[in-house]
Amino acid sequence: MAAPTDKQVTKAVSEAVGDDVAKGLRAALALRRLAEELETMQVTNARRKGWSWQDIAAALAVSKQAVHKKYAELVTSADRQR
C-alpha cells in the first residue's frame, strides 16, 4: 500500500466537509477505504510484534471477538506469505 501524501489527505478531508455533496461523498468513501487499509496494516503489524487479540481490540475499542473475526484469517495468510 502506497501511503497517501499529506496534501491528498488534506484535500479529501476538505472535500468531505465541503458544500459539494458529490465530492463530499466521494471523499468520505476514499477516507473510509484509507482507514480500513491503515487498520489492516496496523493489525497485521501488531500481531507480528506479539500483540494479543485482546490488546488489539482494546486499542481499536472493539471486542476481541470482533477483531479476531475480521482479521484472523487475513493475518494468518499474510504470515504464510512471508
Protein backbone atom coordinates (compact mmCIF):
# COMPACT_ATOMS: atom_id res chain seq x y z
CA MET A 1 0.00 0.00 0.00
CA ALA A 2 1.40 3.35 -1.00
CA ALA A 3 0.86 5.91 1.70
CA PRO A 4 -1.11 8.96 0.62
CA THR A 5 0.59 12.31 0.84
CA ASP A 6 -0.43 14.87 3.43
CA LYS A 7 -1.76 17.01 0.57
CA GLN A 8 -4.03 14.19 -0.65
CA VAL A 9 -5.42 13.55 2.82
CA THR A 10 -5.96 17.26 3.47
CA LYS A 11 -7.79 17.61 0.13
CA ALA A 12 -10.02 14.61 0.89
CA VAL A 13 -10.89 15.95 4.33
CA SER A 14 -11.64 19.41 2.89
CA GLU A 15 -13.90 17.91 0.25
CA ALA A 16 -15.60 15.65 2.77
CA VAL A 17 -16.76 18.64 4.81
CA GLY A 18 -17.42 20.97 1.88
CA ASP A 19 -20.72 22.03 0.31
CA ASP A 20 -20.43 19.89 -2.84
CA VAL A 21 -22.34 16.76 -1.85
CA ALA A 22 -20.98 14.56 -4.67
CA LYS A 23 -17.38 15.48 -3.84
CA GLY A 24 -18.10 15.07 -0.16
CA LEU A 25 -19.46 11.57 -0.58
CA ARG A 26 -16.56 10.50 -2.81
CA ALA A 27 -14.11 11.93 -0.28
CA ALA A 28 -15.89 10.15 2.59
CA LEU A 29 -15.60 6.88 0.67
CA ALA A 30 -11.90 7.46 -0.04
CA LEU A 31 -11.22 8.24 3.62
CA ARG A 32 -13.16 5.16 4.78
CA ARG A 33 -11.14 2.96 2.42
CA LEU A 34 -7.91 4.55 3.63
CA ALA A 35 -8.89 3.98 7.26
CA GLU A 36 -9.63 0.30 6.52
CA GLU A 37 -6.25 -0.13 4.81
CA LEU A 38 -4.41 1.53 7.68
CA GLU A 39 -6.26 -0.56 10.28
CA THR A 40 -5.49 -3.78 8.40
CA MET A 41 -1.83 -2.85 8.10
CA GLN A 42 -1.54 -1.99 11.79
CA VAL A 43 -3.40 -5.08 13.00
CA THR A 44 -1.00 -7.19 10.92
CA ASN A 45 1.97 -5.29 12.37
CA ALA A 46 0.65 -5.69 15.89
CA ARG A 47 0.22 -9.46 15.54
CA ARG A 48 3.72 -9.81 14.08
CA LYS A 49 5.06 -7.91 17.10
CA GLY A 50 3.32 -10.25 19.50
CA TRP A 51 0.24 -8.26 20.43
CA SER A 52 -2.68 -10.36 21.62
CA TRP A 53 -6.10 -10.10 20.02
CA GLN A 54 -7.28 -8.58 23.31
CA ASP A 55 -4.61 -5.84 23.16
CA ILE A 56 -5.54 -5.00 19.56
CA ALA A 57 -9.25 -4.99 20.39
CA ALA A 58 -8.68 -2.59 23.28
CA ALA A 59 -6.67 -0.23 21.06
CA LEU A 60 -9.47 -0.25 18.46
CA ALA A 61 -12.26 -0.01 21.07
CA VAL A 62 -13.96 -3.19 19.83
CA SER A 63 -14.43 -6.67 21.25
CA LYS A 64 -11.76 -9.32 20.98
CA GLN A 65 -14.22 -11.46 19.05
CA ALA A 66 -14.92 -8.68 16.54
CA VAL A 67 -11.27 -8.01 15.75
CA HIS A 68 -10.43 -11.71 15.60
CA LYS A 69 -13.34 -12.45 13.27
CA LYS A 70 -12.38 -9.59 10.95
CA TYR A 71 -8.61 -10.17 10.80
CA ALA A 72 -7.59 -13.68 11.94
CA GLU A 73 -7.66 -15.28 8.50
CA LEU A 74 -6.06 -12.28 6.82
CA VAL A 75 -3.21 -12.10 9.33
CA THR A 76 -2.61 -15.85 9.08
CA SER A 77 -2.43 -15.63 5.27
CA ALA A 78 -0.04 -12.68 5.43
CA ASP A 79 2.23 -14.66 7.75
CA ARG A 80 2.23 -17.62 5.35
CA GLN A 81 3.37 -15.34 2.50
CA ARG A 82 6.38 -14.08 4.46
